[in-house]
Every structure is written in C-alpha cells, then in structure tokens.
C-alpha cells in the first residue's frame, strides 16, 4: 500500500502540470520498476564494486607518494 501511495506521489511530481491519467500511469510504472528493478540493479552494482576491488588488489596497486613525503634516512 505504501508503494502505491509513493508511486502516486512520484507520478504526480513527474507529470507536473499535465497530471491526470499520465501521472497515474507514470506513478504505477515507477512503483513497479522500483519493486522489480532495484534488487537486480543493486546486485549488479555490488558485483561490479567487488570486481573492481579484486582487480585493484590483484594488480598490486601500492599508493604512490611524492618523494618529499617519505622520511629521509637518518644521517650520521
């Protein structure tokens, strides 16, 4: 029920001045898309993030610092 109310509010906002059936259809479509599409979209984003982390780790990227930032060896 809350999804339908949220869909109606979003649809009315998207439709703007031309509200009516168009806003109701847009709201229904947004609610259906959110219900069915956010789970797979989140899974794809999580897999992509994990793959990038693994790729970076395997490449062995060590952070590079300027030579001024490294401590100099003790003199003496």
C-alpha atoms as a PDB file:
ATOM      1  CA  UNK A   1       0.000   0.000   0.000  1.00  0.00           C
ATOM      2  CA  UNK A   2       2.803   2.420   0.807  1.00  0.00           C
ATOM      3  CA  UNK A   3       4.392   1.640  -2.551  1.00  0.00           C
ATOM      4  CA  UNK A   4       1.209   2.636  -4.349  1.00  0.00           C
ATOM      5  CA  UNK A   5       0.993   5.886  -2.418  1.00  0.00           C
ATOM      6  CA  UNK A   6       4.643   6.664  -3.073  1.00  0.00           C
ATOM      7  CA  UNK A   7       4.152   5.787  -6.751  1.00  0.00           C
ATOM      8  CA  UNK A   8       1.199   8.132  -6.980  1.00  0.00           C
ATOM      9  CA  UNK A   9       3.176  10.973  -5.399  1.00  0.00           C
ATOM     10  CA  UNK A  10       6.157  10.380  -7.678  1.00  0.00           C
ATOM     11  CA  UNK A  11       3.892  10.128 -10.720  1.00  0.00           C
ATOM     12  CA  UNK A  12       2.164  13.386  -9.870  1.00  0.00           C
ATOM     13  CA  UNK A  13       5.536  15.062  -9.435  1.00  0.00           C
ATOM     14  CA  UNK A  14       6.890  13.700 -12.747  1.00  0.00           C
ATOM     15  CA  UNK A  15       3.744  14.577 -14.678  1.00  0.00           C
ATOM     16  CA  UNK A  16       3.820  18.152 -13.404  1.00  0.00           C
ATOM     17  CA  UNK A  17       1.122  20.370 -14.864  1.00  0.00           C
ATOM     18  CA  UNK A  18      -0.184  17.669 -17.163  1.00  0.00           C
ATOM     19  CA  UNK A  19      -1.478  15.484 -14.359  1.00  0.00           C
ATOM     20  CA  UNK A  20      -4.318  13.032 -14.663  1.00  0.00           C
ATOM     21  CA  UNK A  21      -4.046   9.634 -16.286  1.00  0.00           C
ATOM     22  CA  UNK A  22      -0.485  10.312 -17.410  1.00  0.00           C
ATOM     23  CA  UNK A  23       0.672  10.939 -13.840  1.00  0.00           C
ATOM     24  CA  UNK A  24      -1.142   7.846 -12.572  1.00  0.00           C
ATOM     25  CA  UNK A  25       0.449   5.669 -15.262  1.00  0.00           C
ATOM     26  CA  UNK A  26       3.896   7.104 -14.579  1.00  0.00           C
ATOM     27  CA  UNK A  27       3.447   6.550 -10.858  1.00  0.00           C
ATOM     28  CA  UNK A  28       2.370   2.966 -11.382  1.00  0.00           C
ATOM     29  CA  UNK A  29       5.325   2.367 -13.697  1.00  0.00           C
ATOM     30  CA  UNK A  30       7.814   3.885 -11.249  1.00  0.00           C
ATOM     31  CA  UNK A  31       6.434   1.802  -8.377  1.00  0.00           C
ATOM     32  CA  UNK A  32       6.547  -1.401 -10.475  1.00  0.00           C
ATOM     33  CA  UNK A  33      10.083  -0.622 -11.646  1.00  0.00           C
ATOM     34  CA  UNK A  34      11.244   0.036  -8.096  1.00  0.00           C
ATOM     35  CA  UNK A  35       9.627  -3.172  -6.875  1.00  0.00           C
ATOM     36  CA  UNK A  36      11.144  -5.355  -9.563  1.00  0.00           C
ATOM     37  CA  UNK A  37      14.244  -3.498 -10.682  1.00  0.00           C
ATOM     38  CA  UNK A  38      16.063  -2.261  -7.606  1.00  0.00           C
ATOM     39  CA  UNK A  39      17.082  -5.696  -6.345  1.00  0.00           C
ATOM     40  CA  UNK A  40      18.853  -6.791  -9.532  1.00  0.00           C
ATOM     41  CA  UNK A  41      20.290  -3.299 -10.020  1.00  0.00           C
ATOM     42  CA  UNK A  42      21.756  -3.337  -6.516  1.00  0.00           C
ATOM     43  CA  UNK A  43      23.169  -6.828  -7.127  1.00  0.00           C
ATOM     44  CA  UNK A  44      24.854  -5.706 -10.350  1.00  0.00           C
ATOM     45  CA  UNK A  45      26.305  -2.647  -8.618  1.00  0.00           C
ATOM     46  CA  UNK A  46      27.620  -4.756  -5.730  1.00  0.00           C
ATOM     47  CA  UNK A  47      29.189  -7.298  -8.094  1.00  0.00           C
ATOM     48  CA  UNK A  48      30.818  -4.502 -10.108  1.00  0.00           C
ATOM     49  CA  UNK A  49      32.196  -2.881  -6.974  1.00  0.00           C
ATOM     50  CA  UNK A  50      33.572  -6.203  -5.742  1.00  0.00           C
ATOM     51  CA  UNK A  51      35.114  -6.973  -9.130  1.00  0.00           C
ATOM     52  CA  UNK A  52      36.882  -3.600  -9.192  1.00  0.00           C
ATOM     53  CA  UNK A  53      38.217  -4.131  -5.669  1.00  0.00           C
ATOM     54  CA  UNK A  54      39.512  -7.566  -6.640  1.00  0.00           C
ATOM     55  CA  UNK A  55      41.050  -6.197  -9.842  1.00  0.00           C
ATOM     56  CA  UNK A  56      42.822  -3.426  -7.956  1.00  0.00           C
ATOM     57  CA  UNK A  57      44.100  -5.842  -5.332  1.00  0.00           C
ATOM     58  CA  UNK A  58      45.413  -8.275  -7.928  1.00  0.00           C
ATOM     59  CA  UNK A  59      47.222  -5.528  -9.819  1.00  0.00           C
ATOM     60  CA  UNK A  60      49.040  -4.748  -6.602  1.00  0.00           C
ATOM     61  CA  UNK A  61      48.473  -1.069  -6.705  1.00  0.00           C
ATOM     62  CA  UNK A  62      50.533   0.410  -3.958  1.00  0.00           C
ATOM     63  CA  UNK A  63      49.806   4.024  -3.186  1.00  0.00           C
ATOM     64  CA  UNK A  64      52.435   6.282  -4.666  1.00  0.00           C
ATOM     65  CA  UNK A  65      53.631   9.203  -2.632  1.00  0.00           C
ATOM     66  CA  UNK A  66      55.831  12.093  -3.691  1.00  0.00           C
ATOM     67  CA  UNK A  67      59.480  11.796  -2.671  1.00  0.00           C
ATOM     68  CA  UNK A  68      59.068  14.802  -0.364  1.00  0.00           C
ATOM     69  CA  UNK A  69      56.525  12.925   1.741  1.00  0.00           C
ATOM     70  CA  UNK A  70      58.803   9.967   2.504  1.00  0.00           C
ATOM     71  CA  UNK A  71      61.033  10.299   5.555  1.00  0.00           C
ATOM     72  CA  UNK A  72      64.688  10.612   4.719  1.00  0.00           C
ATOM     73  CA  UNK A  73      67.142   8.085   6.156  1.00  0.00           C
ATOM     74  CA  UNK A  74      68.934   9.146   9.307  1.00  0.00           C
ATOM     75  CA  UNK A  75      72.206  10.906   8.696  1.00  0.00           C
ATOM     76  CA  UNK A  76      75.140  10.065  10.753  1.00  0.00           C
END
